[in-house]
Amino acid sequence: MTLAEDLIGTWRLSSRVDHLPDGSVHVEASLGTDPLGLLVYDRGGNFAAQFMRRDRTSAPTEAEASVTPSGDGRIASNNSTAVGGYDAYFGTYVVDEATSEVTQTLEAALSPSDVGGVVTREMHIVDGELVIRIALTTPSGVAVVRTLRWSRSA
């Protein structure tokens, strides 16, 4: 099967970890160390993603409340913007089988600055698990590699 075929379905986030260039873990404040997540890809080229900080019932910290876009002013470099411990967006996607990259165009998003943004993710399905790696720059300008691991929900 191809990545495009394997990607179809609903996925639940198992883990989300950011690593600095030296290999150490960087904690991203807006969604925390163990967020909830749901990701859906359909056969028509549509996708939807939602993330939430597990302890969202508490008030956001100053760092979480002050997260703002960077880079081109729309979204943090190759990333979207969480608001109050929540991030959600949907749109269309295209798979490049040769590079295992999926490019997503955000048609709608919780953060207005993300609407119309384009993000690219390296994706692989290994032993039934979706693994996504994203090279990005945090809103504070820190370069990290984020690895997200997803389990098929249905």
Protein backbone atom coordinates (compact mmCIF):
# COMPACT_ATOMS: atom_id res chain seq x y z
CA MET A 1 0.00 0.00 0.00
CA THR A 2 0.99 3.63 -0.42
CA LEU A 3 1.28 6.24 2.31
CA ALA A 4 -1.79 7.98 0.87
CA GLU A 5 -3.82 4.76 1.24
CA ASP A 6 -2.45 3.89 4.69
CA LEU A 7 -3.11 7.41 6.01
CA ILE A 8 -6.90 7.22 5.53
CA GLY A 9 -8.78 7.00 8.81
CA THR A 10 -8.95 8.38 12.32
CA TRP A 11 -5.87 8.57 14.54
CA ARG A 12 -5.48 9.28 18.29
CA LEU A 13 -2.33 10.91 19.63
CA SER A 14 -0.11 8.56 21.65
CA SER A 15 2.82 10.94 22.25
CA ARG A 16 4.20 14.33 21.23
CA VAL A 17 7.84 15.19 22.00
CA ASP A 18 10.01 18.13 20.90
CA HIS A 19 13.79 17.66 20.73
CA LEU A 20 16.38 20.43 20.57
CA PRO A 21 19.40 20.05 18.24
CA ASP A 22 21.45 18.66 21.17
CA GLY A 23 18.88 15.89 21.67
CA SER A 24 17.40 17.23 24.89
CA VAL A 25 13.64 17.49 25.32
CA HIS A 26 12.00 20.90 24.96
CA VAL A 27 8.61 21.28 26.68
CA GLU A 28 6.16 23.26 24.56
CA ALA A 29 4.08 25.29 26.99
CA SER A 30 0.77 25.81 25.18
CA LEU A 31 -0.20 22.10 24.91
CA GLY A 32 2.06 20.62 27.59
CA THR A 33 3.91 17.32 27.66
CA ASP A 34 0.99 14.92 27.10
CA PRO A 35 -1.79 16.53 25.03
CA LEU A 36 -4.86 14.80 23.67
CA GLY A 37 -5.12 14.73 19.89
CA LEU A 38 -7.35 13.51 17.09
CA LEU A 39 -6.36 13.45 13.42
CA VAL A 40 -8.57 12.44 10.48
CA TYR A 41 -7.67 11.92 6.80
CA ASP A 42 -10.27 11.01 4.18
CA ARG A 43 -10.04 9.66 0.63
CA GLY A 44 -11.13 13.02 -0.83
CA GLY A 45 -7.98 14.83 0.31
CA ASN A 46 -9.52 16.43 3.40
CA PHE A 47 -8.07 16.37 6.90
CA ALA A 48 -8.89 17.67 10.38
CA ALA A 49 -6.71 17.94 13.49
CA GLN A 50 -7.48 18.80 17.11
CA PHE A 51 -5.14 19.04 20.10
CA MET A 52 -5.85 19.87 23.73
CA ARG A 53 -3.69 20.22 26.82
CA ARG A 54 -4.86 17.48 29.22
CA ASP A 55 -5.14 19.83 32.19
CA ARG A 56 -7.00 22.51 30.26
CA THR A 57 -9.40 23.01 33.16
CA SER A 58 -6.72 25.15 34.80
CA ALA A 59 -6.08 28.73 33.71
CA PRO A 60 -3.34 29.14 31.10
CA THR A 61 0.06 30.22 32.36
CA GLU A 62 1.55 33.51 31.24
CA ALA A 63 3.75 31.63 28.72
CA GLU A 64 0.71 29.86 27.26
CA ALA A 65 -1.33 33.03 27.05
CA SER A 66 1.46 34.91 25.28
CA VAL A 67 2.12 32.42 22.46
CA THR A 68 2.03 34.32 19.18
CA PRO A 69 2.81 33.45 15.59
CA SER A 70 6.30 34.05 14.22
CA GLY A 71 8.08 33.76 10.91
CA ASP A 72 5.86 35.14 8.16
CA GLY A 73 3.33 36.51 10.66
CA ARG A 74 0.76 33.80 9.88
CA ILE A 75 1.98 30.79 11.87
CA ALA A 76 5.09 29.74 13.74
CA SER A 77 7.52 28.25 11.26
CA ASN A 78 5.78 25.08 9.92
CA ASN A 79 3.38 24.99 12.86
CA SER A 80 -0.02 26.22 13.98
CA THR A 81 -0.95 28.31 17.02
CA ALA A 82 -2.72 26.94 20.10
CA VAL A 83 -5.14 29.21 21.93
CA GLY A 84 -5.75 28.64 25.64
CA GLY A 85 -4.42 25.09 25.52
CA TYR A 86 -6.39 24.10 22.42
CA ASP A 87 -5.55 23.93 18.71
CA ALA A 88 -7.82 22.88 15.86
CA TYR A 89 -7.70 23.22 12.11
CA PHE A 90 -8.84 21.52 8.93
CA GLY A 91 -8.31 21.71 5.21
CA THR A 92 -6.87 19.73 2.34
CA TYR A 93 -3.76 17.60 2.00
CA VAL A 94 -1.50 16.19 -0.70
CA VAL A 95 0.88 13.24 -0.25
CA ASP A 96 4.30 13.13 -1.91
CA GLU A 97 5.02 9.39 -1.98
CA ALA A 98 8.67 9.93 -3.04
CA THR A 99 9.54 12.00 0.05
CA SER A 100 6.89 10.70 2.50
CA GLU A 101 5.84 14.30 3.04
CA VAL A 102 2.27 15.45 3.48
CA THR A 103 1.50 19.08 2.69
CA GLN A 104 -1.60 20.48 4.36
CA THR A 105 -3.39 23.70 3.47
CA LEU A 106 -5.35 25.10 6.39
CA GLU A 107 -8.77 26.26 5.20
CA ALA A 108 -10.02 26.98 8.71
CA ALA A 109 -8.36 27.18 12.11
CA LEU A 110 -8.99 28.16 15.70
CA SER A 111 -6.33 30.86 15.42
CA PRO A 112 -7.24 33.35 12.66
CA SER A 113 -3.54 33.80 11.82
CA ASP A 114 -3.35 30.12 10.77
CA VAL A 115 -6.10 30.31 8.13
CA GLY A 116 -4.58 29.81 4.70
CA GLY A 117 -1.30 28.53 6.12
CA VAL A 118 0.55 25.65 4.48
CA VAL A 119 2.44 23.12 6.62
CA THR A 120 4.50 20.12 5.55
CA ARG A 121 5.05 17.00 7.64
CA GLU A 122 7.23 13.93 7.14
CA MET A 123 4.99 10.91 7.78
CA HIS A 124 5.57 7.17 8.03
CA ILE A 125 3.38 4.30 9.11
CA VAL A 126 5.42 1.76 11.06
CA ASP A 127 3.77 -1.36 12.50
CA GLY A 128 0.35 0.30 12.28
CA GLU A 129 1.51 3.48 14.05
CA LEU A 130 1.53 6.85 12.28
CA VAL A 131 4.80 8.68 13.01
CA ILE A 132 5.01 12.37 12.07
CA ARG A 133 8.22 14.39 12.27
CA ILE A 134 8.15 18.15 11.93
CA ALA A 135 11.13 20.48 11.82
CA LEU A 136 9.80 23.75 13.20
CA THR A 137 10.67 26.91 15.01
CA THR A 138 8.75 27.73 18.17
CA PRO A 139 7.15 31.17 18.53
CA SER A 140 10.13 32.11 20.73
CA GLY A 141 12.54 31.25 17.89
CA VAL A 142 13.80 27.87 19.13
CA ALA A 143 14.45 25.24 16.43
CA VAL A 144 13.05 21.82 17.39
CA VAL A 145 12.12 18.52 15.79
CA ARG A 146 8.68 17.41 16.95
CA THR A 147 7.79 13.72 16.80
CA LEU A 148 4.13 12.77 17.08
CA ARG A 149 3.03 9.14 17.37
CA TRP A 150 -0.55 8.20 16.56
CA SER A 151 -2.56 5.00 16.99
CA ARG A 152 -5.34 4.11 14.58
CA SER A 153 -8.69 4.76 16.24
CA ALA A 154 -10.98 2.93 13.85
